[in-house]
Protein backbone atom coordinates (compact mmCIF):
# COMPACT_ATOMS: atom_id res chain seq x y z
CA UNK A 1 0.56 -11.84 21.52
CA UNK A 2 -1.93 -9.54 19.96
CA UNK A 3 -0.87 -6.02 19.12
CA UNK A 4 -3.19 -3.45 20.56
CA UNK A 5 -3.90 0.17 19.36
CA UNK A 6 -3.55 2.93 21.72
CA UNK A 7 -7.38 3.72 21.36
CA UNK A 8 -6.98 7.19 19.80
CA UNK A 9 -8.46 6.06 16.58
CA UNK A 10 -11.88 5.28 17.97
CA UNK A 11 -14.77 6.76 15.63
CA UNK A 12 -12.38 7.69 12.94
CA UNK A 13 -13.57 6.72 9.39
CA UNK A 14 -11.22 4.54 7.07
CA UNK A 15 -11.31 3.37 3.52
CA UNK A 16 -9.57 0.30 2.66
CA UNK A 17 -9.15 -0.84 -0.98
CA UNK A 18 -9.53 -4.42 -1.57
CA UNK A 19 -10.72 -4.70 1.96
CA UNK A 20 -12.86 -7.86 1.82
CA UNK A 21 -10.05 -10.34 1.50
CA UNK A 22 -6.37 -11.19 2.22
CA UNK A 23 -4.37 -8.41 3.55
CA UNK A 24 -6.97 -5.73 3.13
CA UNK A 25 -9.54 -7.79 5.08
CA UNK A 26 -6.70 -8.26 7.84
CA UNK A 27 -6.20 -4.44 7.97
CA UNK A 28 -9.76 -3.88 8.08
CA UNK A 29 -10.27 -6.31 11.11
CA UNK A 30 -7.42 -4.52 13.10
CA UNK A 31 -8.71 -1.03 12.28
CA UNK A 32 -12.23 -2.31 13.51
CA UNK A 33 -10.43 -3.56 16.75
CA UNK A 34 -9.34 0.08 17.24
CA UNK A 35 -12.91 1.25 16.96
CA UNK A 36 -12.90 2.76 13.49
CA UNK A 37 -15.66 2.80 11.25
CA UNK A 38 -15.12 1.21 7.76
CA UNK A 39 -15.78 1.56 4.03
CA UNK A 40 -14.33 -1.39 2.16
CA UNK A 41 -14.07 -1.60 -1.69
CA UNK A 42 -14.81 -5.10 -3.32
CA UNK A 43 -15.15 -6.56 -6.71
CA UNK A 44 -15.98 -10.15 -5.65
CA UNK A 45 -19.48 -10.61 -4.16
CA UNK A 46 -18.46 -13.84 -2.36
CA UNK A 47 -15.55 -12.11 -0.70
CA UNK A 48 -17.86 -9.21 0.48
CA UNK A 49 -20.37 -11.82 1.97
CA UNK A 50 -17.53 -13.40 4.02
CA UNK A 51 -16.20 -10.23 5.22
CA UNK A 52 -19.74 -8.94 6.12
CA UNK A 53 -20.14 -12.24 8.21
CA UNK A 54 -16.97 -11.66 10.19
CA UNK A 55 -18.06 -8.09 11.42
CA UNK A 56 -21.45 -9.32 12.28
CA UNK A 57 -20.06 -12.38 14.11
CA UNK A 58 -17.82 -10.26 16.11
CA UNK A 59 -20.50 -7.81 16.91
CA UNK A 60 -18.98 -4.93 14.82
CA UNK A 61 -20.59 -2.18 12.91
CA UNK A 62 -21.21 -3.29 9.22
CA UNK A 63 -18.79 -1.64 6.96
CA UNK A 64 -19.88 0.39 4.08
CA UNK A 65 -19.24 -1.86 0.98
CA UNK A 66 -18.25 -0.06 -2.07
CA UNK A 67 -17.92 -1.82 -5.37
CA UNK A 68 -14.83 -0.47 -7.18
CA UNK A 69 -12.36 -1.13 -9.91
CA UNK A 70 -9.27 0.90 -8.59
CA UNK A 71 -8.20 1.69 -11.99
CA UNK A 72 -11.59 3.58 -12.64
CA UNK A 73 -10.83 7.32 -11.82
CA UNK A 74 -14.42 8.47 -12.02
CA UNK A 75 -15.62 5.42 -10.09
CA UNK A 76 -12.93 6.32 -7.32
CA UNK A 77 -14.09 9.83 -7.23
CA UNK A 78 -17.77 8.76 -6.81
CA UNK A 79 -16.72 6.23 -4.02
CA UNK A 80 -14.92 9.15 -2.07
CA UNK A 81 -18.21 11.13 -2.18
CA UNK A 82 -20.14 8.22 -1.00
CA UNK A 83 -17.85 7.57 1.98
CA UNK A 84 -18.05 11.08 2.88
CA UNK A 85 -21.64 11.31 2.39
CA UNK A 86 -22.24 8.23 4.46
CA UNK A 87 -19.99 9.03 7.41
CA UNK A 88 -19.59 12.86 7.41
CA UNK A 89 -15.85 12.85 7.08
CA UNK A 90 -12.93 10.44 6.13
CA UNK A 91 -9.75 10.06 8.16
CA UNK A 92 -7.73 7.21 6.78
CA UNK A 93 -6.96 5.99 3.43
CA UNK A 94 -5.32 2.40 2.94
CA UNK A 95 -4.44 1.82 -0.53
CA UNK A 96 -4.04 -1.96 -0.65
CA UNK A 97 -5.80 -3.49 -3.74
CA UNK A 98 -3.34 -4.97 -6.17
CA UNK A 99 -2.41 -7.80 -8.65
CA UNK A 100 0.33 -10.33 -8.27
CA UNK A 101 1.33 -11.27 -11.84
CA UNK A 102 4.63 -12.61 -12.87
CA UNK A 103 6.74 -13.29 -16.17
CA UNK A 104 9.96 -12.75 -17.72
CA UNK A 105 10.22 -8.91 -18.14
CA UNK A 106 11.88 -9.02 -21.50
CA UNK A 107 8.75 -10.91 -22.94
CA UNK A 108 6.43 -8.57 -21.39
CA UNK A 109 3.75 -6.57 -23.71
CA UNK A 110 2.54 -3.05 -23.41
CA UNK A 111 -0.89 -4.68 -21.99
CA UNK A 112 1.23 -6.44 -19.30
CA UNK A 113 2.64 -2.96 -18.23
CA UNK A 114 -0.71 -1.24 -18.50
CA UNK A 115 -2.43 -3.69 -16.53
CA UNK A 116 -0.05 -4.26 -13.57
CA UNK A 117 1.16 -0.78 -13.21
CA UNK A 118 -2.36 0.43 -13.84
CA UNK A 119 -3.59 -1.45 -10.75
CA UNK A 120 -0.68 -1.44 -8.59
CA UNK A 121 0.64 2.15 -8.98
CA UNK A 122 -2.20 3.79 -10.82
CA UNK A 123 -4.89 2.52 -8.16
CA UNK A 124 -2.80 4.32 -5.30
CA UNK A 125 -2.52 7.54 -7.45
CA UNK A 126 -6.37 7.36 -7.85
CA UNK A 127 -6.95 6.82 -4.15
CA UNK A 128 -4.80 9.80 -3.38
CA UNK A 129 -6.45 12.15 -5.84
CA UNK A 130 -9.77 11.13 -4.75
CA UNK A 131 -9.39 11.04 -0.93
CA UNK A 132 -6.61 13.45 0.13
CA UNK A 133 -8.76 16.55 -0.23
CA UNK A 134 -11.56 14.95 2.13
CA UNK A 135 -8.74 13.74 4.54
CA UNK A 136 -7.29 17.21 4.48
CA UNK A 137 -10.64 18.64 5.34
CA UNK A 138 -11.21 16.27 8.32
CA UNK A 139 -10.09 16.83 11.80
CA UNK A 140 -8.55 14.65 14.29
CA UNK A 141 -6.12 11.89 13.86
CA UNK A 142 -5.52 10.97 10.09
CA UNK A 143 -3.44 8.75 8.24
CA UNK A 144 -2.56 7.35 4.70
CA UNK A 145 -1.26 3.83 4.39
CA UNK A 146 0.22 2.61 0.96
CA UNK A 147 0.55 -1.09 1.00
CA UNK A 148 3.70 -1.99 -1.26
CA UNK A 149 5.41 -5.40 -0.91
CA UNK A 150 8.96 -6.50 0.05
CA UNK A 151 9.25 -6.36 -3.71
CA UNK A 152 9.67 -2.66 -3.25
CA UNK A 153 13.34 -3.51 -1.92
CA UNK A 154 13.92 -7.07 -3.32
CA UNK A 155 13.83 -7.72 -7.19
CA UNK A 156 13.64 -11.01 -9.04
CA UNK A 157 13.68 -12.64 -12.56
CA UNK A 158 9.91 -13.16 -12.72
CA UNK A 159 8.72 -10.23 -11.12
CA UNK A 160 9.91 -7.14 -13.20
CA UNK A 161 6.75 -5.09 -13.64
CA UNK A 162 5.26 -6.11 -10.30
CA UNK A 163 8.48 -4.93 -8.77
CA UNK A 164 8.52 -1.59 -10.73
CA UNK A 165 5.08 -0.97 -9.42
CA UNK A 166 6.02 -1.62 -5.80
CA UNK A 167 9.30 0.49 -6.17
CA UNK A 168 7.07 3.29 -7.50
CA UNK A 169 4.66 3.04 -4.54
CA UNK A 170 7.55 3.06 -2.11
CA UNK A 171 9.06 6.30 -3.76
CA UNK A 172 5.77 8.07 -3.75
CA UNK A 173 4.89 7.22 -0.19
CA UNK A 174 8.39 8.31 1.12
CA UNK A 175 7.95 11.64 -0.72
CA UNK A 176 4.33 12.10 0.07
CA UNK A 177 5.16 11.59 4.00
CA UNK A 178 7.02 15.14 3.73
CA UNK A 179 4.01 16.63 2.15
CA UNK A 180 1.51 15.44 4.51
CA UNK A 181 3.39 16.14 7.68
CA UNK A 182 2.53 19.99 7.54
CA UNK A 183 -1.23 19.09 7.49
CA UNK A 184 -1.00 16.83 10.68
CA UNK A 185 -1.57 13.73 8.45
CA UNK A 186 0.53 10.51 8.97
CA UNK A 187 1.90 8.45 6.18
CA UNK A 188 3.18 5.02 6.18
CA UNK A 189 4.78 2.66 3.62
CA UNK A 190 3.50 -0.97 4.46
CA UNK A 191 5.69 -3.93 2.92
CA UNK A 192 4.35 -7.24 3.93
CA UNK A 193 6.32 -10.45 2.87
CA UNK A 194 4.74 -13.83 2.26
CA UNK A 195 1.16 -13.65 3.59
CA UNK A 196 -1.59 -16.32 3.52
CA UNK A 197 -3.70 -14.94 0.64
CA UNK A 198 -5.01 -15.93 -2.71
CA UNK A 199 -2.81 -13.42 -4.44
CA UNK A 200 -1.24 -16.25 -6.52
CA UNK A 201 -4.26 -16.46 -8.87
CA UNK A 202 -4.19 -12.89 -9.98
CA UNK A 203 -3.12 -13.99 -13.60
CA UNK A 204 -6.35 -16.01 -13.92
CA UNK A 205 -8.27 -12.87 -13.49
CA UNK A 206 -6.90 -10.81 -16.40
CA UNK A 207 -9.44 -8.35 -17.69
CA UNK A 208 -10.24 -8.54 -21.51
CA UNK A 209 -8.93 -5.22 -22.21
CA UNK A 210 -5.38 -6.18 -21.21
CA UNK A 211 -5.71 -9.65 -23.06
CA UNK A 212 -2.58 -9.08 -25.25
CA UNK A 213 0.04 -10.54 -22.72
CA UNK A 214 3.53 -11.33 -23.79
CA UNK A 215 3.74 -13.75 -20.89
CA UNK A 216 2.98 -17.55 -21.59
CA UNK A 217 -0.70 -18.53 -21.02
CA UNK A 218 -1.34 -19.08 -17.41
CA UNK A 219 -0.95 -22.59 -16.34
CA UNK A 220 -3.44 -23.27 -13.47
CA UNK A 221 -1.58 -26.34 -12.25
CA UNK A 222 1.73 -24.23 -12.14
CA UNK A 223 -0.10 -21.47 -10.37
CA UNK A 224 -1.76 -23.58 -7.89
CA UNK A 225 1.66 -25.06 -7.07
CA UNK A 226 3.14 -21.41 -6.57
CA UNK A 227 0.12 -21.06 -4.38
CA UNK A 228 1.29 -23.57 -1.77
CA UNK A 229 4.02 -21.16 -0.83
CA UNK A 230 1.36 -18.58 0.19
CA UNK A 231 -0.18 -21.31 2.33
CA UNK A 232 3.13 -20.89 4.42
CA UNK A 233 2.66 -17.14 4.86
CA UNK A 234 1.59 -14.89 7.75
CA UNK A 235 -1.87 -14.54 8.75
CA UNK A 236 -3.25 -11.60 6.98
CA UNK A 237 -4.89 -10.28 10.63
CA UNK A 238 -1.43 -10.39 12.11
CA UNK A 239 -0.19 -8.28 9.05
CA UNK A 240 -3.23 -5.84 9.84
CA UNK A 241 -2.38 -5.72 13.60
CA UNK A 242 1.20 -4.71 12.85
CA UNK A 243 -0.05 -2.19 10.36
CA UNK A 244 -2.10 -0.67 12.98
CA UNK A 245 0.58 -0.61 15.44
CA UNK A 246 2.62 1.36 12.86
CA UNK A 247 -0.19 3.78 12.31
CA UNK A 248 -0.32 4.50 16.19
CA UNK A 249 3.44 5.57 16.03
CA UNK A 250 3.30 7.35 12.59
CA UNK A 251 5.75 5.03 11.24
CA UNK A 252 7.15 6.02 7.97
CA UNK A 253 8.00 2.39 7.20
CA UNK A 254 5.98 -0.58 8.29
CA UNK A 255 7.66 -4.18 7.82
CA UNK A 256 5.64 -6.87 9.25
CA UNK A 257 7.99 -10.00 8.56
CA UNK A 258 11.37 -10.33 10.24
CA UNK A 259 13.12 -12.66 7.75
CA UNK A 260 14.56 -10.14 5.51
CA UNK A 261 17.75 -8.98 7.61
CA UNK A 262 20.35 -10.79 5.34
CA UNK A 263 18.85 -9.01 2.13
CA UNK A 264 18.95 -5.52 3.79
CA UNK A 265 22.35 -6.09 4.81
CA UNK A 266 23.31 -7.02 1.26
CA UNK A 267 21.64 -4.10 -0.27
CA UNK A 268 23.51 -1.87 2.40
CA UNK A 269 27.02 -3.22 1.49
CA UNK A 270 26.35 -3.18 -2.12
CA UNK A 271 24.93 0.24 -2.11
CA UNK A 272 28.15 1.70 -0.29
CA UNK A 273 30.56 -0.34 -2.48
CA UNK A 274 29.11 1.18 -5.43
CA UNK A 275 29.83 4.88 -4.32
CA UNK A 276 33.00 6.15 -5.97
CA UNK A 277 36.08 6.38 -3.43
CA UNK A 278 36.72 10.14 -4.40
CA UNK A 279 36.30 13.41 -2.58
CA UNK A 280 33.10 15.59 -3.67
CA UNK A 281 33.44 19.19 -4.43
CA UNK A 282 32.21 21.48 -1.96
CA UNK A 283 29.28 22.85 -4.03
CA UNK A 284 27.94 19.55 -4.39
CA UNK A 285 28.29 18.81 -0.66
CA UNK A 286 26.38 21.89 0.26
CA UNK A 287 23.36 21.09 -2.02
CA UNK A 288 22.99 17.61 -0.49
CA UNK A 289 23.45 19.29 3.13
CA UNK A 290 20.37 21.40 2.08
CA UNK A 291 18.51 18.53 0.88
CA UNK A 292 19.03 16.47 4.09
CA UNK A 293 18.06 19.71 6.13
CA UNK A 294 14.85 20.30 4.12
CA UNK A 295 13.82 16.67 4.53
CA UNK A 296 14.38 16.91 8.13
CA UNK A 297 12.21 20.14 8.38
CA UNK A 298 9.58 18.58 6.42
CA UNK A 299 9.38 15.44 8.61
CA UNK A 300 8.99 17.80 11.39
CA UNK A 301 6.02 19.67 9.61
CA UNK A 302 7.38 22.59 7.65
CA UNK A 303 6.13 23.05 4.11
CA UNK A 304 9.33 23.05 1.84
CA UNK A 305 9.55 24.69 -1.45
CA UNK A 306 12.19 24.67 -4.08
CA UNK A 307 13.77 27.76 -2.61
CA UNK A 308 14.87 25.64 0.41
CA UNK A 309 16.99 23.37 -1.84
CA UNK A 310 19.57 25.83 -3.01
C-alpha cells in the first residue's frame, strides 16, 4: 500500500544529489508526490532525460537539473546559489549521491580511500556546507536527509572503505540532528538495504584522477554477476516513499528494509557483552549523566555548549 505524506511539504524546495536514477530518483518521485518543487543533480545525460520523462508523463513540474560532481566544492556552492536563485529559497537537502566500490581493505591504495571517502562522505560534507546556510535562512518546514546504507551498521570483508564512509555519514548525521533542532530543521539518517539500482557498476566508472587502485582490475562479468543481487532489491520508489514518511515524522533514523532484525540483535548482544562487568566511579557516572541530559535537551531544541557537558 503506498505511503502518503501528510501534505505539509507542498511548495517547499528540495535539492537531491544523484537525483536522476536509483534511490535518488525514487526519493525525488516521492518528494514530488508530496507537492515539493525539485532541483536534481546529475552527471549522466541519459539518466537525466529518463528522469525528465517521468515527471512529464506524470504531469509534474519539471525539476531544475544541475550538472554536478559532488566532490567539486566550488561546483556545489554554485549549485546552491543556482537553486536559490531559481526558486527563491531552499528547504530540503537530500545527500544521496555515492559510489559502491568494494575490495579487500588490506590492499587498498590512497587513491581508493580518496575516491570512495571523497564521494560518499566528502559529498555529504560539501552538500551541508553549501546548503545549510540557505536552509537556515528559509522559513517553514525544512529538513536534511543523509542517505547512508545498512553498511553504516554492518561491516564485511569486501566493503571496508565503503563501510567506513557510511559509518562516517551515520555519526555526522546523528550529531547534526542535535545542531539543527534549535533552528527548527529536521534531520534524518536514511539507511537502505538492497535496492534495485545500477550501483553495482561504480567500479567501472572510476575517474582518471584516482586510477591508482590497490584492488584488482574490475572484472565486468564478475560485477554483472554481483549485479544480479541488486535485481532482487526493493523498488527505489518504495525506498523514496518510506523516506518521505520518515521526513513527515522527523525520524532520526529511517530504515526501509525489514530483514535486519537478527543483525541488530547480534550487535546489541555483542556490545553489551563487551562492557566490563565492574562498577564505574561516581565522577564518570556524573559526566555520562550530563551527556545524556544534554542530548535530550538538544533533541528538544536547546543549543548545547561545552559548558553543558561538565
